[in-house]
Amino acid sequence: METPAVLRLTGLPASTLENWIRDGLVTPSVRPASGRRRTRRWSVVDVIVVRAIKDLRDAGCSISTLTKARQLLQDEWPTSVMGKHLYWDGQDLFRISTFDEAVSLVRRPGQTTMKVLLIPLEPLKAAVEAAAVQDPHLAAPTVKESA
């Protein structure tokens, strides 16, 4: 994919992308520009890295943290990114591989720092509502108006 498509998909200004390329934060892996009027070509992984870095930068991540995020994405992409998330809490960047642990990438690299519980409420609501249709005893209670 060429640079104009990358800019559209990521919402990044061209000048920012050029700065990041010049500083080595991101690089097109299919065809870097070499010479006049040579169009850069980006892989899917490259575009995802650019978008993740943009989102993290917009959230206030430092350049050193962005570099670590880029390296993590590039290192883990060949194995799998399925079910993996990046989480920024304003001070540390975490890799969440399963919804029961978050591993620090910046402040305490490699250390599991917290347990995470994710409860998807919408599927739970749908299951309970479906069960309530089958069993009238599970019907939602009426809400009393406050005086």
C-alpha atoms as a PDB file:
ATOM      1  CA  MET A   1       0.000   0.000   0.000  1.00  0.00           C
ATOM      2  CA  GLU A   2       1.302   3.465  -0.845  1.00  0.00           C
ATOM      3  CA  THR A   3       1.768   6.375   1.547  1.00  0.00           C
ATOM      4  CA  PRO A   4      -1.456   8.273   0.650  1.00  0.00           C
ATOM      5  CA  ALA A   5      -3.486   5.201   1.631  1.00  0.00           C
ATOM      6  CA  VAL A   6      -1.527   4.910   4.886  1.00  0.00           C
ATOM      7  CA  LEU A   7      -2.309   8.543   5.674  1.00  0.00           C
ATOM      8  CA  ARG A   8      -6.020   7.978   5.025  1.00  0.00           C
ATOM      9  CA  LEU A   9      -6.154   4.817   7.147  1.00  0.00           C
ATOM     10  CA  THR A  10      -4.250   6.255  10.075  1.00  0.00           C
ATOM     11  CA  GLY A  11      -5.465   9.852  10.066  1.00  0.00           C
ATOM     12  CA  LEU A  12      -1.873  11.001  10.396  1.00  0.00           C
ATOM     13  CA  PRO A  13      -0.674  14.232   8.758  1.00  0.00           C
ATOM     14  CA  ALA A  14       1.929  13.679   6.037  1.00  0.00           C
ATOM     15  CA  SER A  15       4.437  15.922   7.823  1.00  0.00           C
ATOM     16  CA  THR A  16       4.222  13.837  10.998  1.00  0.00           C
ATOM     17  CA  LEU A  17       4.700  10.600   9.075  1.00  0.00           C
ATOM     18  CA  GLU A  18       7.729  12.110   7.311  1.00  0.00           C
ATOM     19  CA  ASN A  19       9.206  13.145  10.670  1.00  0.00           C
ATOM     20  CA  TRP A  20       8.651   9.662  12.109  1.00  0.00           C
ATOM     21  CA  ILE A  21      10.299   8.067   9.074  1.00  0.00           C
ATOM     22  CA  ARG A  22      13.264  10.456   9.255  1.00  0.00           C
ATOM     23  CA  ASP A  23      13.644   9.775  13.014  1.00  0.00           C
ATOM     24  CA  GLY A  24      13.411   6.006  12.462  1.00  0.00           C
ATOM     25  CA  LEU A  25      10.233   5.556  14.499  1.00  0.00           C
ATOM     26  CA  VAL A  26       8.441   3.912  11.557  1.00  0.00           C
ATOM     27  CA  THR A  27       9.680   2.514   8.277  1.00  0.00           C
ATOM     28  CA  PRO A  28       7.947   1.097   5.229  1.00  0.00           C
ATOM     29  CA  SER A  29       9.113  -2.489   4.921  1.00  0.00           C
ATOM     30  CA  VAL A  30       7.937  -3.267   1.383  1.00  0.00           C
ATOM     31  CA  ARG A  31       9.756  -0.425  -0.386  1.00  0.00           C
ATOM     32  CA  PRO A  32      11.398   2.485   1.381  1.00  0.00           C
ATOM     33  CA  ALA A  33      11.808   5.620  -0.685  1.00  0.00           C
ATOM     34  CA  SER A  34      15.203   5.703  -2.284  1.00  0.00           C
ATOM     35  CA  GLY A  35      15.649   8.371  -4.867  1.00  0.00           C
ATOM     36  CA  ARG A  36      13.477  11.075  -6.326  1.00  0.00           C
ATOM     37  CA  ARG A  37       9.807  10.424  -6.822  1.00  0.00           C
ATOM     38  CA  ARG A  38      10.079   6.879  -5.575  1.00  0.00           C
ATOM     39  CA  THR A  39       6.858   5.878  -3.848  1.00  0.00           C
ATOM     40  CA  ARG A  40       7.092   4.157  -0.479  1.00  0.00           C
ATOM     41  CA  ARG A  41       5.155   0.933  -0.076  1.00  0.00           C
ATOM     42  CA  TRP A  42       3.871  -0.247   3.302  1.00  0.00           C
ATOM     43  CA  SER A  43       2.825  -3.692   4.523  1.00  0.00           C
ATOM     44  CA  VAL A  44      -0.267  -4.376   6.598  1.00  0.00           C
ATOM     45  CA  VAL A  45       1.920  -4.709   9.691  1.00  0.00           C
ATOM     46  CA  ASP A  46       3.556  -1.348   8.920  1.00  0.00           C
ATOM     47  CA  VAL A  47       0.172   0.377   8.740  1.00  0.00           C
ATOM     48  CA  ILE A  48      -1.002  -1.199  12.002  1.00  0.00           C
ATOM     49  CA  VAL A  49       2.224  -0.091  13.689  1.00  0.00           C
ATOM     50  CA  VAL A  50       1.776   3.476  12.401  1.00  0.00           C
ATOM     51  CA  ARG A  51      -1.854   3.558  13.594  1.00  0.00           C
ATOM     52  CA  ALA A  52      -1.011   2.134  17.036  1.00  0.00           C
ATOM     53  CA  ILE A  53       1.836   4.611  17.454  1.00  0.00           C
ATOM     54  CA  LYS A  54      -0.426   7.487  16.397  1.00  0.00           C
ATOM     55  CA  ASP A  55      -3.092   6.463  18.927  1.00  0.00           C
ATOM     56  CA  LEU A  56      -0.526   6.078  21.696  1.00  0.00           C
ATOM     57  CA  ARG A  57       1.093   9.419  20.829  1.00  0.00           C
ATOM     58  CA  ASP A  58      -2.322  11.104  20.859  1.00  0.00           C
ATOM     59  CA  ALA A  59      -2.796   9.644  24.366  1.00  0.00           C
ATOM     60  CA  GLY A  60       0.463  11.219  25.533  1.00  0.00           C
ATOM     61  CA  CYS A  61       3.053   8.425  25.222  1.00  0.00           C
ATOM     62  CA  SER A  62       6.677   9.452  25.090  1.00  0.00           C
ATOM     63  CA  ILE A  63       8.819   8.688  22.059  1.00  0.00           C
ATOM     64  CA  SER A  64      10.760   6.046  24.008  1.00  0.00           C
ATOM     65  CA  THR A  65       7.484   4.298  24.882  1.00  0.00           C
ATOM     66  CA  LEU A  66       6.399   4.489  21.238  1.00  0.00           C
ATOM     67  CA  THR A  67       9.676   2.849  20.233  1.00  0.00           C
ATOM     68  CA  LYS A  68       8.996  -0.020  22.640  1.00  0.00           C
ATOM     69  CA  ALA A  69       5.438  -0.377  21.323  1.00  0.00           C
ATOM     70  CA  ARG A  70       6.730  -0.504  17.748  1.00  0.00           C
ATOM     71  CA  GLN A  71       9.281  -3.146  18.629  1.00  0.00           C
ATOM     72  CA  LEU A  72       6.679  -5.237  20.445  1.00  0.00           C
ATOM     73  CA  LEU A  73       4.287  -5.118  17.504  1.00  0.00           C
ATOM     74  CA  GLN A  74       6.998  -6.017  15.021  1.00  0.00           C
ATOM     75  CA  ASP A  75       8.356  -8.837  17.202  1.00  0.00           C
ATOM     76  CA  GLU A  76       5.005 -10.410  18.033  1.00  0.00           C
ATOM     77  CA  TRP A  77       3.340 -10.052  14.644  1.00  0.00           C
ATOM     78  CA  PRO A  78       4.931 -13.179  13.119  1.00  0.00           C
ATOM     79  CA  THR A  79       3.666 -15.360  15.989  1.00  0.00           C
ATOM     80  CA  SER A  80       0.245 -13.835  16.511  1.00  0.00           C
ATOM     81  CA  VAL A  81      -1.447 -10.688  17.660  1.00  0.00           C
ATOM     82  CA  MET A  82      -4.801 -12.417  18.047  1.00  0.00           C
ATOM     83  CA  GLY A  83      -6.246 -11.640  21.451  1.00  0.00           C
ATOM     84  CA  LYS A  84      -3.425  -9.244  22.353  1.00  0.00           C
ATOM     85  CA  HIS A  85      -4.017  -5.651  23.363  1.00  0.00           C
ATOM     86  CA  LEU A  86      -1.902  -2.645  24.214  1.00  0.00           C
ATOM     87  CA  TYR A  87      -3.036  -0.651  27.221  1.00  0.00           C
ATOM     88  CA  TRP A  88      -1.674   2.764  28.197  1.00  0.00           C
ATOM     89  CA  ASP A  89      -2.498   4.063  31.681  1.00  0.00           C
ATOM     90  CA  GLY A  90      -0.718   7.389  31.340  1.00  0.00           C
ATOM     91  CA  GLN A  91       2.522   6.114  32.865  1.00  0.00           C
ATOM     92  CA  ASP A  92       3.126   2.600  31.635  1.00  0.00           C
ATOM     93  CA  LEU A  93       2.371   0.575  28.544  1.00  0.00           C
ATOM     94  CA  PHE A  94       1.016  -2.918  29.101  1.00  0.00           C
ATOM     95  CA  ARG A  95       0.582  -5.947  26.894  1.00  0.00           C
ATOM     96  CA  ILE A  96      -2.607  -7.772  27.729  1.00  0.00           C
ATOM     97  CA  SER A  97      -2.520 -11.228  26.179  1.00  0.00           C
ATOM     98  CA  THR A  98      -5.304 -12.712  28.215  1.00  0.00           C
ATOM     99  CA  PHE A  99      -7.927 -10.921  30.200  1.00  0.00           C
ATOM    100  CA  ASP A 100      -6.431 -11.953  33.491  1.00  0.00           C
ATOM    101  CA  GLU A 101      -3.047 -10.264  33.419  1.00  0.00           C
ATOM    102  CA  ALA A 102      -1.254  -7.210  32.151  1.00  0.00           C
ATOM    103  CA  VAL A 103       2.507  -7.251  31.598  1.00  0.00           C
ATOM    104  CA  SER A 104       4.472  -4.020  31.935  1.00  0.00           C
ATOM    105  CA  LEU A 105       6.511  -3.003  28.906  1.00  0.00           C
ATOM    106  CA  VAL A 106       8.051   0.244  30.173  1.00  0.00           C
ATOM    107  CA  ARG A 107       8.277   0.779  33.930  1.00  0.00           C
ATOM    108  CA  ARG A 108       8.795  -2.857  34.990  1.00  0.00           C
ATOM    109  CA  PRO A 109       9.420  -4.739  31.721  1.00  0.00           C
ATOM    110  CA  GLY A 110       8.141  -8.293  31.766  1.00  0.00           C
ATOM    111  CA  GLN A 111       6.531  -8.033  35.192  1.00  0.00           C
ATOM    112  CA  THR A 112       2.868  -8.883  35.586  1.00  0.00           C
ATOM    113  CA  THR A 113       1.598  -5.786  37.296  1.00  0.00           C
ATOM    114  CA  MET A 114      -2.117  -6.208  37.701  1.00  0.00           C
ATOM    115  CA  LYS A 115      -4.968  -8.570  37.201  1.00  0.00           C
ATOM    116  CA  VAL A 116      -7.602  -7.485  34.737  1.00  0.00           C
ATOM    117  CA  LEU A 117     -11.182  -8.661  34.678  1.00  0.00           C
ATOM    118  CA  LEU A 118     -13.217  -7.954  31.595  1.00  0.00           C
ATOM    119  CA  ILE A 119     -16.926  -8.607  31.761  1.00  0.00           C
ATOM    120  CA  PRO A 120     -18.687  -8.098  28.434  1.00  0.00           C
ATOM    121  CA  LEU A 121     -22.035  -6.760  29.646  1.00  0.00           C
ATOM    122  CA  GLU A 122     -23.899  -6.721  26.345  1.00  0.00           C
ATOM    123  CA  PRO A 123     -23.702 -10.508  25.730  1.00  0.00           C
ATOM    124  CA  LEU A 124     -24.577 -11.069  29.385  1.00  0.00           C
ATOM    125  CA  LYS A 125     -27.630  -8.812  29.054  1.00  0.00           C
ATOM    126  CA  ALA A 126     -28.718 -10.583  25.864  1.00  0.00           C
ATOM    127  CA  ALA A 127     -28.386 -14.018  27.506  1.00  0.00           C
ATOM    128  CA  VAL A 128     -30.352 -12.942  30.567  1.00  0.00           C
ATOM    129  CA  GLU A 129     -33.077 -11.324  28.457  1.00  0.00           C
ATOM    130  CA  ALA A 130     -33.342 -14.478  26.326  1.00  0.00           C
ATOM    131  CA  ALA A 131     -33.655 -16.573  29.477  1.00  0.00           C
ATOM    132  CA  ALA A 132     -36.296 -14.176  30.863  1.00  0.00           C
ATOM    133  CA  VAL A 133     -38.470 -14.762  27.807  1.00  0.00           C
ATOM    134  CA  GLN A 134     -38.352 -18.507  28.539  1.00  0.00           C
ATOM    135  CA  ASP A 135     -38.877 -18.144  32.312  1.00  0.00           C
ATOM    136  CA  PRO A 136     -41.289 -15.392  33.445  1.00  0.00           C
ATOM    137  CA  HIS A 137     -39.859 -15.603  36.992  1.00  0.00           C
ATOM    138  CA  LEU A 138     -36.656 -14.015  35.674  1.00  0.00           C
ATOM    139  CA  ALA A 139     -38.455 -10.975  34.279  1.00  0.00           C
ATOM    140  CA  ALA A 140     -36.870  -7.625  35.088  1.00  0.00           C
ATOM    141  CA  PRO A 141     -38.147  -5.985  38.286  1.00  0.00           C
ATOM    142  CA  THR A 142     -40.119  -2.813  37.941  1.00  0.00           C
ATOM    143  CA  VAL A 143     -38.296   0.373  38.815  1.00  0.00           C
ATOM    144  CA  LYS A 144     -39.907   2.402  41.574  1.00  0.00           C
ATOM    145  CA  GLU A 145     -40.049   6.125  41.096  1.00  0.00           C
ATOM    146  CA  SER A 146     -38.367   8.129  43.825  1.00  0.00           C
ATOM    147  CA  ALA A 147     -40.426  10.670  45.696  1.00  0.00           C
END
